[in-house]
PDB file of N, CA and C in Angstrom:
ATOM      1  N   UNK A   1     -14.217  -8.615  -7.205  1.00  0.00           N
ATOM      2  CA  UNK A   1     -12.970  -7.881  -7.401  1.00  0.00           C
ATOM      3  C   UNK A   1     -13.036  -6.585  -6.608  1.00  0.00           C
ATOM      4  N   UNK A   2     -11.951  -6.251  -5.986  1.00  0.00           N
ATOM      5  CA  UNK A   2     -11.876  -5.046  -5.166  1.00  0.00           C
ATOM      6  C   UNK A   2     -11.790  -3.809  -6.049  1.00  0.00           C
ATOM      7  N   UNK A   3     -12.128  -2.653  -5.457  1.00  0.00           N
ATOM      8  CA  UNK A   3     -11.968  -1.405  -6.199  1.00  0.00           C
ATOM      9  C   UNK A   3     -10.521  -0.921  -6.139  1.00  0.00           C
ATOM     10  N   UNK A   4      -9.679  -1.638  -5.409  1.00  0.00           N
ATOM     11  CA  UNK A   4      -8.248  -1.355  -5.404  1.00  0.00           C
ATOM     12  C   UNK A   4      -7.619  -2.299  -6.413  1.00  0.00           C
ATOM     13  N   UNK A   5      -6.786  -1.784  -7.278  1.00  0.00           N
ATOM     14  CA  UNK A   5      -6.197  -2.665  -8.277  1.00  0.00           C
ATOM     15  C   UNK A   5      -4.695  -2.719  -8.115  1.00  0.00           C
ATOM     16  N   UNK A   6      -4.130  -3.851  -8.465  1.00  0.00           N
ATOM     17  CA  UNK A   6      -2.688  -4.041  -8.413  1.00  0.00           C
ATOM     18  C   UNK A   6      -2.260  -4.700  -9.712  1.00  0.00           C
ATOM     19  N   UNK A   7      -1.180  -4.240 -10.255  1.00  0.00           N
ATOM     20  CA  UNK A   7      -0.603  -4.869 -11.433  1.00  0.00           C
ATOM     21  C   UNK A   7       0.890  -4.949 -11.198  1.00  0.00           C
ATOM     22  N   UNK A   8       1.426  -6.143 -11.243  1.00  0.00           N
ATOM     23  CA  UNK A   8       2.852  -6.296 -10.979  1.00  0.00           C
ATOM     24  C   UNK A   8       3.592  -6.652 -12.255  1.00  0.00           C
ATOM     25  N   UNK A   9       4.752  -6.073 -12.420  1.00  0.00           N
ATOM     26  CA  UNK A   9       5.579  -6.384 -13.570  1.00  0.00           C
ATOM     27  C   UNK A   9       6.994  -5.941 -13.259  1.00  0.00           C
ATOM     28  N   UNK A  10       7.904  -6.909 -13.183  1.00  0.00           N
ATOM     29  CA  UNK A  10       9.320  -6.613 -12.990  1.00  0.00           C
ATOM     30  C   UNK A  10       9.589  -5.664 -11.827  1.00  0.00           C
ATOM     31  N   UNK A  11       8.985  -5.929 -10.670  1.00  0.00           N
ATOM     32  CA  UNK A  11       9.239  -5.105  -9.508  1.00  0.00           C
ATOM     33  C   UNK A  11       8.494  -3.792  -9.498  1.00  0.00           C
ATOM     34  N   UNK A  12       7.576  -3.606 -10.423  1.00  0.00           N
ATOM     35  CA  UNK A  12       6.767  -2.391 -10.467  1.00  0.00           C
ATOM     36  C   UNK A  12       5.353  -2.752 -10.016  1.00  0.00           C
ATOM     37  N   UNK A  13       4.839  -1.994  -9.055  1.00  0.00           N
ATOM     38  CA  UNK A  13       3.492  -2.227  -8.545  1.00  0.00           C
ATOM     39  C   UNK A  13       2.679  -0.958  -8.759  1.00  0.00           C
ATOM     40  N   UNK A  14       1.578  -1.084  -9.474  1.00  0.00           N
ATOM     41  CA  UNK A  14       0.667   0.044  -9.663  1.00  0.00           C
ATOM     42  C   UNK A  14      -0.480  -0.121  -8.677  1.00  0.00           C
ATOM     43  N   UNK A  15      -0.735   0.923  -7.914  1.00  0.00           N
ATOM     44  CA  UNK A  15      -1.766   0.862  -6.877  1.00  0.00           C
ATOM     45  C   UNK A  15      -2.670   2.073  -7.019  1.00  0.00           C
ATOM     46  N   UNK A  16      -3.907   1.826  -7.453  1.00  0.00           N
ATOM     47  CA  UNK A  16      -4.901   2.883  -7.612  1.00  0.00           C
ATOM     48  C   UNK A  16      -5.764   2.938  -6.357  1.00  0.00           C
ATOM     49  N   UNK A  17      -5.700   4.049  -5.639  1.00  0.00           N
ATOM     50  CA  UNK A  17      -6.452   4.229  -4.401  1.00  0.00           C
ATOM     51  C   UNK A  17      -7.633   5.153  -4.706  1.00  0.00           C
ATOM     52  N   UNK A  18      -8.862   4.640  -4.664  1.00  0.00           N
ATOM     53  CA  UNK A  18     -10.009   5.428  -5.107  1.00  0.00           C
ATOM     54  C   UNK A  18     -10.377   6.604  -4.204  1.00  0.00           C
ATOM     55  N   UNK A  19     -10.107   6.481  -2.890  1.00  0.00           N
ATOM     56  CA  UNK A  19     -10.524   7.545  -1.966  1.00  0.00           C
ATOM     57  C   UNK A  19      -9.736   7.456  -0.659  1.00  0.00           C
ATOM     58  N   UNK A  20      -9.965   8.419   0.231  1.00  0.00           N
ATOM     59  CA  UNK A  20      -9.226   8.464   1.493  1.00  0.00           C
ATOM     60  C   UNK A  20      -9.585   7.314   2.428  1.00  0.00           C
ATOM     61  N   UNK A  21     -10.792   6.801   2.321  1.00  0.00           N
ATOM     62  CA  UNK A  21     -11.153   5.640   3.148  1.00  0.00           C
ATOM     63  C   UNK A  21     -10.282   4.442   2.778  1.00  0.00           C
ATOM     64  N   UNK A  22     -10.122   4.202   1.492  1.00  0.00           N
ATOM     65  CA  UNK A  22      -9.274   3.100   1.039  1.00  0.00           C
ATOM     66  C   UNK A  22      -7.812   3.347   1.415  1.00  0.00           C
ATOM     67  N   UNK A  23      -7.385   4.599   1.368  1.00  0.00           N
ATOM     68  CA  UNK A  23      -6.018   4.943   1.768  1.00  0.00           C
ATOM     69  C   UNK A  23      -5.820   4.636   3.248  1.00  0.00           C
ATOM     70  N   UNK A  24      -6.791   4.999   4.072  1.00  0.00           N
ATOM     71  CA  UNK A  24      -6.733   4.698   5.507  1.00  0.00           C
ATOM     72  C   UNK A  24      -6.608   3.190   5.731  1.00  0.00           C
ATOM     73  N   UNK A  25      -7.408   2.411   5.015  1.00  0.00           N
ATOM     74  CA  UNK A  25      -7.407   0.960   5.185  1.00  0.00           C
ATOM     75  C   UNK A  25      -6.083   0.330   4.771  1.00  0.00           C
ATOM     76  N   UNK A  26      -5.368   0.958   3.853  1.00  0.00           N
ATOM     77  CA  UNK A  26      -4.118   0.401   3.340  1.00  0.00           C
ATOM     78  C   UNK A  26      -2.868   0.938   4.037  1.00  0.00           C
ATOM     79  N   UNK A  27      -2.958   2.095   4.661  1.00  0.00           N
ATOM     80  CA  UNK A  27      -1.777   2.756   5.230  1.00  0.00           C
ATOM     81  C   UNK A  27      -1.234   1.996   6.437  1.00  0.00           C
ATOM     82  N   UNK A  28       0.087   1.903   6.512  1.00  0.00           N
ATOM     83  CA  UNK A  28       0.773   1.203   7.594  1.00  0.00           C
ATOM     84  C   UNK A  28       1.724   2.166   8.312  1.00  0.00           C
ATOM     85  N   UNK A  29       1.214   2.978   9.252  1.00  0.00           N
ATOM     86  CA  UNK A  29       2.065   3.935   9.949  1.00  0.00           C
ATOM     87  C   UNK A  29       2.968   3.282  10.986  1.00  0.00           C
ATOM     88  N   UNK A  30       2.689   2.032  11.311  1.00  0.00           N
ATOM     89  CA  UNK A  30       3.392   1.349  12.389  1.00  0.00           C
ATOM     90  C   UNK A  30       4.725   0.736  11.970  1.00  0.00           C
ATOM     91  N   UNK A  31       5.050   0.741  10.681  1.00  0.00           N
ATOM     92  CA  UNK A  31       6.358   0.224  10.275  1.00  0.00           C
ATOM     93  C   UNK A  31       7.303   1.390   9.988  1.00  0.00           C
ATOM     94  N   UNK A  32       8.575   1.143  10.182  1.00  0.00           N
ATOM     95  CA  UNK A  32       9.585   2.180   9.969  1.00  0.00           C
ATOM     96  C   UNK A  32       9.453   2.750   8.563  1.00  0.00           C
ATOM     97  N   UNK A  33       9.421   4.040   8.428  1.00  0.00           N
ATOM     98  CA  UNK A  33       9.266   4.774   7.169  1.00  0.00           C
ATOM     99  C   UNK A  33       7.848   4.736   6.606  1.00  0.00           C
ATOM    100  N   UNK A  34       6.938   4.027   7.248  1.00  0.00           N
ATOM    101  CA  UNK A  34       5.572   3.926   6.752  1.00  0.00           C
ATOM    102  C   UNK A  34       5.483   2.987   5.559  1.00  0.00           C
ATOM    103  N   UNK A  35       4.277   2.719   5.137  1.00  0.00           N
ATOM    104  CA  UNK A  35       4.079   1.833   3.999  1.00  0.00           C
ATOM    105  C   UNK A  35       2.609   1.683   3.672  1.00  0.00           C
ATOM    106  N   UNK A  36       2.343   0.874   2.665  1.00  0.00           N
ATOM    107  CA  UNK A  36       0.971   0.606   2.232  1.00  0.00           C
ATOM    108  C   UNK A  36       0.775  -0.884   2.023  1.00  0.00           C
ATOM    109  N   UNK A  37      -0.404  -1.358   2.380  1.00  0.00           N
ATOM    110  CA  UNK A  37      -0.801  -2.715   2.046  1.00  0.00           C
ATOM    111  C   UNK A  37      -1.524  -2.653   0.712  1.00  0.00           C
ATOM    112  N   UNK A  38      -1.028  -3.380  -0.239  1.00  0.00           N
ATOM    113  CA  UNK A  38      -1.610  -3.391  -1.579  1.00  0.00           C
ATOM    114  C   UNK A  38      -2.365  -4.703  -1.750  1.00  0.00           C
ATOM    115  N   UNK A  39      -3.689  -4.627  -1.721  1.00  0.00           N
ATOM    116  CA  UNK A  39      -4.506  -5.817  -1.856  1.00  0.00           C
ATOM    117  C   UNK A  39      -4.421  -6.411  -3.252  1.00  0.00           C
ATOM    118  N   UNK A  40      -4.428  -7.710  -3.300  1.00  0.00           N
ATOM    119  CA  UNK A  40      -4.343  -8.407  -4.574  1.00  0.00           C
ATOM    120  C   UNK A  40      -5.307  -9.583  -4.527  1.00  0.00           C
ATOM    121  N   UNK A  41      -6.575  -9.341  -4.826  1.00  0.00           N
ATOM    122  CA  UNK A  41      -7.614 -10.339  -4.585  1.00  0.00           C
ATOM    123  C   UNK A  41      -7.334 -11.737  -5.128  1.00  0.00           C
ATOM    124  N   UNK A  42      -6.716 -11.849  -6.259  1.00  0.00           N
ATOM    125  CA  UNK A  42      -6.485 -13.184  -6.815  1.00  0.00           C
ATOM    126  C   UNK A  42      -5.014 -13.520  -6.996  1.00  0.00           C
ATOM    127  N   UNK A  43      -4.125 -12.662  -6.577  1.00  0.00           N
ATOM    128  CA  UNK A  43      -2.673 -12.812  -6.718  1.00  0.00           C
ATOM    129  C   UNK A  43      -2.216 -13.031  -8.150  1.00  0.00           C
ATOM    130  N   UNK A  44      -3.152 -13.158  -9.065  1.00  0.00           N
ATOM    131  CA  UNK A  44      -2.836 -13.330 -10.488  1.00  0.00           C
ATOM    132  C   UNK A  44      -1.678 -14.306 -10.642  1.00  0.00           C
ATOM    133  N   UNK A  45      -0.757 -14.052 -11.518  1.00  0.00           N
ATOM    134  CA  UNK A  45       0.406 -14.915 -11.694  1.00  0.00           C
ATOM    135  C   UNK A  45       1.656 -14.281 -11.123  1.00  0.00           C
ATOM    136  N   UNK A  46       1.519 -13.128 -10.519  1.00  0.00           N
ATOM    137  CA  UNK A  46       2.681 -12.391 -10.021  1.00  0.00           C
ATOM    138  C   UNK A  46       3.008 -12.838  -8.607  1.00  0.00           C
ATOM    139  N   UNK A  47       4.275 -13.123  -8.371  1.00  0.00           N
ATOM    140  CA  UNK A  47       4.751 -13.532  -7.051  1.00  0.00           C
ATOM    141  C   UNK A  47       5.729 -12.493  -6.539  1.00  0.00           C
ATOM    142  N   UNK A  48       5.532 -12.043  -5.310  1.00  0.00           N
ATOM    143  CA  UNK A  48       6.432 -11.087  -4.682  1.00  0.00           C
ATOM    144  C   UNK A  48       7.093 -11.756  -3.493  1.00  0.00           C
ATOM    145  N   UNK A  49       8.405 -11.786  -3.487  1.00  0.00           N
ATOM    146  CA  UNK A  49       9.142 -12.364  -2.373  1.00  0.00           C
ATOM    147  C   UNK A  49       9.307 -11.350  -1.259  1.00  0.00           C
ATOM    148  N   UNK A  50       9.310 -11.832  -0.044  1.00  0.00           N
ATOM    149  CA  UNK A  50       9.584 -10.998   1.108  1.00  0.00           C
ATOM    150  C   UNK A  50      10.952 -10.352   0.936  1.00  0.00           C
ATOM    151  N   UNK A  51      11.035  -9.056   1.123  1.00  0.00           N
ATOM    152  CA  UNK A  51      12.298  -8.333   0.978  1.00  0.00           C
ATOM    153  C   UNK A  51      12.580  -7.834  -0.429  1.00  0.00           C
ATOM    154  N   UNK A  52      11.736  -8.203  -1.389  1.00  0.00           N
ATOM    155  CA  UNK A  52      11.951  -7.763  -2.775  1.00  0.00           C
ATOM    156  C   UNK A  52      11.816  -6.250  -2.881  1.00  0.00           C
ATOM    157  N   UNK A  53      12.685  -5.646  -3.666  1.00  0.00           N
ATOM    158  CA  UNK A  53      12.606  -4.208  -3.909  1.00  0.00           C
ATOM    159  C   UNK A  53      11.611  -3.958  -5.033  1.00  0.00           C
ATOM    160  N   UNK A  54      10.750  -2.962  -4.831  1.00  0.00           N
ATOM    161  CA  UNK A  54       9.724  -2.631  -5.816  1.00  0.00           C
ATOM    162  C   UNK A  54       9.634  -1.122  -5.980  1.00  0.00           C
ATOM    163  N   UNK A  55       9.061  -0.718  -7.084  1.00  0.00           N
ATOM    164  CA  UNK A  55       8.681   0.679  -7.283  1.00  0.00           C
ATOM    165  C   UNK A  55       7.165   0.724  -7.242  1.00  0.00           C
ATOM    166  N   UNK A  56       6.645   1.553  -6.364  1.00  0.00           N
ATOM    167  CA  UNK A  56       5.213   1.697  -6.198  1.00  0.00           C
ATOM    168  C   UNK A  56       4.749   2.918  -6.974  1.00  0.00           C
ATOM    169  N   UNK A  57       3.872   2.684  -7.950  1.00  0.00           N
ATOM    170  CA  UNK A  57       3.256   3.763  -8.718  1.00  0.00           C
ATOM    171  C   UNK A  57       1.886   3.991  -8.101  1.00  0.00           C
ATOM    172  N   UNK A  58       1.803   4.973  -7.252  1.00  0.00           N
ATOM    173  CA  UNK A  58       0.615   5.233  -6.453  1.00  0.00           C
ATOM    174  C   UNK A  58      -0.239   6.303  -7.121  1.00  0.00           C
ATOM    175  N   UNK A  59      -1.514   5.988  -7.308  1.00  0.00           N
ATOM    176  CA  UNK A  59      -2.456   6.960  -7.871  1.00  0.00           C
ATOM    177  C   UNK A  59      -3.529   7.227  -6.826  1.00  0.00           C
ATOM    178  N   UNK A  60      -3.502   8.417  -6.261  1.00  0.00           N
ATOM    179  CA  UNK A  60      -4.515   8.849  -5.302  1.00  0.00           C
ATOM    180  C   UNK A  60      -5.629   9.513  -6.105  1.00  0.00           C
ATOM    181  N   UNK A  61      -6.625   8.738  -6.463  1.00  0.00           N
ATOM    182  CA  UNK A  61      -7.657   9.200  -7.396  1.00  0.00           C
ATOM    183  C   UNK A  61      -8.461  10.379  -6.863  1.00  0.00           C
ATOM    184  N   UNK A  62      -8.769  10.380  -5.570  1.00  0.00           N
ATOM    185  CA  UNK A  62      -9.580  11.461  -5.012  1.00  0.00           C
ATOM    186  C   UNK A  62      -8.879  12.808  -5.159  1.00  0.00           C
ATOM    187  N   UNK A  63      -7.551  12.795  -5.103  1.00  0.00           N
ATOM    188  CA  UNK A  63      -6.774  14.022  -5.255  1.00  0.00           C
ATOM    189  C   UNK A  63      -6.234  14.179  -6.676  1.00  0.00           C
ATOM    190  N   UNK A  64      -6.470  13.181  -7.529  1.00  0.00           N
ATOM    191  CA  UNK A  64      -5.899  13.128  -8.873  1.00  0.00           C
ATOM    192  C   UNK A  64      -4.393  13.377  -8.815  1.00  0.00           C
ATOM    193  N   UNK A  65      -3.750  12.624  -7.940  1.00  0.00           N
ATOM    194  CA  UNK A  65      -2.322  12.789  -7.681  1.00  0.00           C
ATOM    195  C   UNK A  65      -1.611  11.459  -7.916  1.00  0.00           C
ATOM    196  N   UNK A  66      -0.481  11.537  -8.593  1.00  0.00           N
ATOM    197  CA  UNK A  66       0.328  10.339  -8.841  1.00  0.00           C
ATOM    198  C   UNK A  66       1.685  10.510  -8.170  1.00  0.00           C
ATOM    199  N   UNK A  67       2.111   9.442  -7.479  1.00  0.00           N
ATOM    200  CA  UNK A  67       3.366   9.462  -6.737  1.00  0.00           C
ATOM    201  C   UNK A  67       4.109   8.170  -7.031  1.00  0.00           C
ATOM    202  N   UNK A  68       5.406   8.255  -7.230  1.00  0.00           N
ATOM    203  CA  UNK A  68       6.243   7.076  -7.383  1.00  0.00           C
ATOM    204  C   UNK A  68       7.184   7.016  -6.195  1.00  0.00           C
ATOM    205  N   UNK A  69       7.249   5.861  -5.564  1.00  0.00           N
ATOM    206  CA  UNK A  69       8.111   5.703  -4.392  1.00  0.00           C
ATOM    207  C   UNK A  69       8.747   4.313  -4.418  1.00  0.00           C
ATOM    208  N   UNK A  70      10.019   4.254  -4.077  1.00  0.00           N
ATOM    209  CA  UNK A  70      10.707   2.972  -3.956  1.00  0.00           C
ATOM    210  C   UNK A  70      10.300   2.328  -2.641  1.00  0.00           C
ATOM    211  N   UNK A  71      10.284   1.016  -2.623  1.00  0.00           N
ATOM    212  CA  UNK A  71       9.924   0.314  -1.401  1.00  0.00           C
ATOM    213  C   UNK A  71      10.441  -1.105  -1.401  1.00  0.00           C
ATOM    214  N   UNK A  72      10.105  -1.788  -0.327  1.00  0.00           N
ATOM    215  CA  UNK A  72      10.515  -3.176  -0.140  1.00  0.00           C
ATOM    216  C   UNK A  72       9.299  -3.943   0.385  1.00  0.00           C
ATOM    217  N   UNK A  73       9.127  -5.170  -0.088  1.00  0.00           N
ATOM    218  CA  UNK A  73       8.019  -5.998   0.377  1.00  0.00           C
ATOM    219  C   UNK A  73       8.289  -6.399   1.827  1.00  0.00           C
ATOM    220  N   UNK A  74       7.441  -5.911   2.738  1.00  0.00           N
ATOM    221  CA  UNK A  74       7.608  -6.171   4.166  1.00  0.00           C
ATOM    222  C   UNK A  74       6.877  -7.446   4.592  1.00  0.00           C
ATOM    223  N   UNK A  75       5.826  -7.814   3.871  1.00  0.00           N
ATOM    224  CA  UNK A  75       5.177  -9.100   4.102  1.00  0.00           C
ATOM    225  C   UNK A  75       4.290  -9.448   2.932  1.00  0.00           C
ATOM    226  N   UNK A  76       3.963 -10.741   2.877  1.00  0.00           N
ATOM    227  CA  UNK A  76       3.074 -11.262   1.847  1.00  0.00           C
ATOM    228  C   UNK A  76       1.942 -11.989   2.557  1.00  0.00           C
ATOM    229  N   UNK A  77       0.732 -11.656   2.221  1.00  0.00           N
ATOM    230  CA  UNK A  77      -0.449 -12.313   2.775  1.00  0.00           C
ATOM    231  C   UNK A  77      -1.098 -13.109   1.645  1.00  0.00           C
ATOM    232  N   UNK A  78      -1.109 -14.417   1.797  1.00  0.00           N
ATOM    233  CA  UNK A  78      -1.612 -15.294   0.740  1.00  0.00           C
ATOM    234  C   UNK A  78      -3.111 -15.537   0.875  1.00  0.00           C
ATOM    235  N   UNK A  79      -3.765 -15.948  -0.213  1.00  0.00           N
ATOM    236  CA  UNK A  79      -5.188 -16.282  -0.135  1.00  0.00           C
ATOM    237  C   UNK A  79      -5.403 -17.419   0.865  1.00  0.00           C
ATOM    238  N   UNK A  80      -6.557 -17.403   1.508  1.00  0.00           N
ATOM    239  CA  UNK A  80      -6.887 -18.464   2.449  1.00  0.00           C
ATOM    240  C   UNK A  80      -6.489 -18.155   3.882  1.00  0.00           C
ATOM    241  N   UNK A  81      -5.857 -17.012   4.108  1.00  0.00           N
ATOM    242  CA  UNK A  81      -5.506 -16.617   5.466  1.00  0.00           C
ATOM    243  C   UNK A  81      -6.606 -15.718   6.014  1.00  0.00           C
ATOM    244  N   UNK A  82      -6.460 -15.288   7.257  1.00  0.00           N
ATOM    245  CA  UNK A  82      -7.495 -14.468   7.876  1.00  0.00           C
ATOM    246  C   UNK A  82      -7.483 -13.025   7.385  1.00  0.00           C
ATOM    247  N   UNK A  83      -6.434 -12.607   6.750  1.00  0.00           N
ATOM    248  CA  UNK A  83      -6.315 -11.239   6.231  1.00  0.00           C
ATOM    249  C   UNK A  83      -6.464 -11.259   4.712  1.00  0.00           C
ATOM    250  N   UNK A  84      -6.814 -10.109   4.119  1.00  0.00           N
ATOM    251  CA  UNK A  84      -6.921 -10.055   2.655  1.00  0.00           C
ATOM    252  C   UNK A  84      -5.576 -10.377   2.003  1.00  0.00           C
ATOM    253  N   UNK A  85      -5.600 -11.081   0.879  1.00  0.00           N
ATOM    254  CA  UNK A  85      -4.345 -11.361   0.183  1.00  0.00           C
ATOM    255  C   UNK A  85      -3.750 -10.093  -0.408  1.00  0.00           C
ATOM    256  N   UNK A  86      -2.435 -10.053  -0.449  1.00  0.00           N
ATOM    257  CA  UNK A  86      -1.735  -8.904  -1.003  1.00  0.00           C
ATOM    258  C   UNK A  86      -0.349  -8.788  -0.421  1.00  0.00           C
ATOM    259  N   UNK A  87       0.259  -7.625  -0.609  1.00  0.00           N
ATOM    260  CA  UNK A  87       1.610  -7.399  -0.109  1.00  0.00           C
ATOM    261  C   UNK A  87       1.673  -6.096   0.675  1.00  0.00           C
ATOM    262  N   UNK A  88       2.496  -6.088   1.695  1.00  0.00           N
ATOM    263  CA  UNK A  88       2.775  -4.875   2.453  1.00  0.00           C
ATOM    264  C   UNK A  88       4.077  -4.293   1.952  1.00  0.00           C
ATOM    265  N   UNK A  89       4.057  -3.053   1.508  1.00  0.00           N
ATOM    266  CA  UNK A  89       5.253  -2.400   0.968  1.00  0.00           C
ATOM    267  C   UNK A  89       5.705  -1.315   1.932  1.00  0.00           C
ATOM    268  N   UNK A  90       6.945  -1.445   2.393  1.00  0.00           N
ATOM    269  CA  UNK A  90       7.562  -0.446   3.264  1.00  0.00           C
ATOM    270  C   UNK A  90       8.250   0.583   2.386  1.00  0.00           C
ATOM    271  N   UNK A  91       7.984   1.873   2.649  1.00  0.00           N
ATOM    272  CA  UNK A  91       8.608   2.936   1.872  1.00  0.00           C
ATOM    273  C   UNK A  91      10.106   2.975   2.147  1.00  0.00           C
ATOM    274  N   UNK A  92      10.892   3.240   1.097  1.00  0.00           N
ATOM    275  CA  UNK A  92      12.349   3.305   1.206  1.00  0.00           C
ATOM    276  C   UNK A  92      12.815   4.756   1.192  1.00  0.00           C
ATOM    277  N   UNK A  93      13.957   4.981   1.791  1.00  0.00           N
ATOM    278  CA  UNK A  93      14.603   6.297   1.743  1.00  0.00           C
ATOM    279  C   UNK A  93      15.031   6.547   0.304  1.00  0.00           C
ATOM    280  N   UNK A  94      15.152   7.732  -0.170  1.00  0.00           N
ATOM    281  CA  UNK A  94      14.979   9.004   0.520  1.00  0.00           C
ATOM    282  C   UNK A  94      13.554   9.540   0.440  1.00  0.00           C
ATOM    283  N   UNK A  95      12.658   8.820  -0.248  1.00  0.00           N
ATOM    284  CA  UNK A  95      11.302   9.329  -0.483  1.00  0.00           C
ATOM    285  C   UNK A  95      10.332   9.048   0.656  1.00  0.00           C
ATOM    286  N   UNK A  96      10.718   8.189   1.584  1.00  0.00           N
ATOM    287  CA  UNK A  96       9.799   7.716   2.617  1.00  0.00           C
ATOM    288  C   UNK A  96       9.162   8.851   3.403  1.00  0.00           C
ATOM    289  N   UNK A  97       9.958   9.778   3.887  1.00  0.00           N
ATOM    290  CA  UNK A  97       9.422  10.832   4.740  1.00  0.00           C
ATOM    291  C   UNK A  97       8.400  11.690   3.995  1.00  0.00           C
ATOM    292  N   UNK A  98       8.695  12.017   2.747  1.00  0.00           N
ATOM    293  CA  UNK A  98       7.801  12.875   1.967  1.00  0.00           C
ATOM    294  C   UNK A  98       6.452  12.198   1.722  1.00  0.00           C
ATOM    295  N   UNK A  99       6.459  10.938   1.302  1.00  0.00           N
ATOM    296  CA  UNK A  99       5.190  10.253   1.019  1.00  0.00           C
ATOM    297  C   UNK A  99       4.437   9.970   2.313  1.00  0.00           C
ATOM    298  N   UNK A 100       5.165   9.643   3.383  1.00  0.00           N
ATOM    299  CA  UNK A 100       4.523   9.402   4.671  1.00  0.00           C
ATOM    300  C   UNK A 100       3.816  10.671   5.163  1.00  0.00           C
ATOM    301  N   UNK A 101       4.475  11.807   5.054  1.00  0.00           N
ATOM    302  CA  UNK A 101       3.861  13.075   5.466  1.00  0.00           C
ATOM    303  C   UNK A 101       2.645  13.412   4.605  1.00  0.00           C
ATOM    304  N   UNK A 102       2.737  13.152   3.309  1.00  0.00           N
ATOM    305  CA  UNK A 102       1.614  13.440   2.406  1.00  0.00           C
ATOM    306  C   UNK A 102       0.392  12.599   2.785  1.00  0.00           C
ATOM    307  N   UNK A 103       0.614  11.314   3.016  1.00  0.00           N
ATOM    308  CA  UNK A 103      -0.493  10.426   3.382  1.00  0.00           C
ATOM    309  C   UNK A 103      -1.093  10.851   4.720  1.00  0.00           C
ATOM    310  N   UNK A 104      -0.240  11.167   5.689  1.00  0.00           N
ATOM    311  CA  UNK A 104      -0.747  11.550   7.005  1.00  0.00           C
ATOM    312  C   UNK A 104      -1.490  12.883   6.958  1.00  0.00           C
ATOM    313  N   UNK A 105      -1.110  13.760   6.055  1.00  0.00           N
ATOM    314  CA  UNK A 105      -1.865  15.002   5.857  1.00  0.00           C
ATOM    315  C   UNK A 105      -3.253  14.686   5.303  1.00  0.00           C
ATOM    316  N   UNK A 106      -3.315  13.792   4.324  1.00  0.00           N
ATOM    317  CA  UNK A 106      -4.605  13.409   3.744  1.00  0.00           C
ATOM    318  C   UNK A 106      -5.502  12.704   4.759  1.00  0.00           C
ATOM    319  N   UNK A 107      -4.879  11.983   5.689  1.00  0.00           N
ATOM    320  CA  UNK A 107      -5.635  11.212   6.675  1.00  0.00           C
ATOM    321  C   UNK A 107      -5.753  11.919   8.022  1.00  0.00           C
ATOM    322  N   UNK A 108      -5.480  13.206   8.055  1.00  0.00           N
ATOM    323  CA  UNK A 108      -5.536  13.968   9.309  1.00  0.00           C
ATOM    324  C   UNK A 108      -6.863  13.725  10.021  1.00  0.00           C
ATOM    325  N   UNK A 109      -6.777  13.413  11.304  1.00  0.00           N
ATOM    326  CA  UNK A 109      -7.961  13.157  12.099  1.00  0.00           C
ATOM    327  C   UNK A 109      -8.485  11.740  12.012  1.00  0.00           C
ATOM    328  N   UNK A 110      -7.968  10.932  11.097  1.00  0.00           N
ATOM    329  CA  UNK A 110      -8.440   9.556  10.943  1.00  0.00           C
ATOM    330  C   UNK A 110      -7.481   8.532  11.533  1.00  0.00           C
ATOM    331  N   UNK A 111      -6.230   8.902  11.714  1.00  0.00           N
ATOM    332  CA  UNK A 111      -5.215   7.931  12.109  1.00  0.00           C
ATOM    333  C   UNK A 111      -5.456   7.324  13.487  1.00  0.00           C
ATOM    334  N   UNK A 112      -6.188   8.003  14.348  1.00  0.00           N
ATOM    335  CA  UNK A 112      -6.487   7.479  15.684  1.00  0.00           C
ATOM    336  C   UNK A 112      -7.814   6.725  15.710  1.00  0.00           C
ATOM    337  N   UNK A 113      -8.404   6.525  14.556  1.00  0.00           N
ATOM    338  CA  UNK A 113      -9.702   5.863  14.456  1.00  0.00           C
ATOM    339  C   UNK A 113      -9.608   4.394  14.863  1.00  0.00           C
ATOM    340  N   UNK A 114     -10.730   3.857  15.325  1.00  0.00           N
ATOM    341  CA  UNK A 114     -10.820   2.434  15.658  1.00  0.00           C
ATOM    342  C   UNK A 114     -11.312   1.606  14.476  1.00  0.00           C
ATOM    343  N   UNK A 115     -11.528   2.255  13.342  1.00  0.00           N
ATOM    344  CA  UNK A 115     -11.984   1.514  12.157  1.00  0.00           C
ATOM    345  C   UNK A 115     -10.942   0.477  11.767  1.00  0.00           C
ATOM    346  N   UNK A 116     -11.390  -0.695  11.332  1.00  0.00           N
ATOM    347  CA  UNK A 116     -10.433  -1.727  10.925  1.00  0.00           C
ATOM    348  C   UNK A 116      -9.687  -1.338   9.652  1.00  0.00           C
ATOM    349  N   UNK A 117      -8.506  -1.898   9.509  1.00  0.00           N
ATOM    350  CA  UNK A 117      -7.703  -1.706   8.306  1.00  0.00           C
ATOM    351  C   UNK A 117      -7.410  -3.075   7.705  1.00  0.00           C
ATOM    352  N   UNK A 118      -6.691  -3.105   6.600  1.00  0.00           N
ATOM    353  CA  UNK A 118      -6.324  -4.376   5.976  1.00  0.00           C
ATOM    354  C   UNK A 118      -5.144  -5.026   6.681  1.00  0.00           C
ATOM    355  N   UNK A 119      -4.561  -4.334   7.649  1.00  0.00           N
ATOM    356  CA  UNK A 119      -3.338  -4.841   8.270  1.00  0.00           C
ATOM    357  C   UNK A 119      -3.548  -5.251   9.719  1.00  0.00           C
ATOM    358  N   UNK A 120      -3.748  -4.304  10.606  1.00  0.00           N
ATOM    359  CA  UNK A 120      -3.919  -4.624  12.038  1.00  0.00           C
ATOM    360  C   UNK A 120      -5.292  -4.237  12.520  1.00  0.00           C
TER     361      UNK A 120
END
C-alpha cells in the first residue's frame, strides 16, 4: 500500500500528501489550471468516470495544511497499465490559480527536475 491515500465518496476525493517529494510526483503542471494525480493502489470499489466533477480534499502533511479545491477527472489509469493506477484531477476555476501557485511555491526549484513523476 502506498503512503498516499485516496478515499472516494460521492465525488469527494481525500488525498493525503506526506511530503514535498510526493507532491512533486503527483503534480501535473502541464494541464490547463494544473492538477494532481491521485494514486489509488487497489481502486477499491470506487469508480471515477472521465470528466466527472469532484471535490479534492488535499492535506499537505509536511506543512500541516488542508485545502479544498473543485476539479474534474482528466484521466483514469487502471491497474495493469504501465503507470500507477489512479486518477488525474484537473483543478477547476475559480480556485485553480490559487492552489496552483501554492503548489509551485512549495515545489520551487524542483519543477525543472528530471526525476520521474506518476504522470509523465
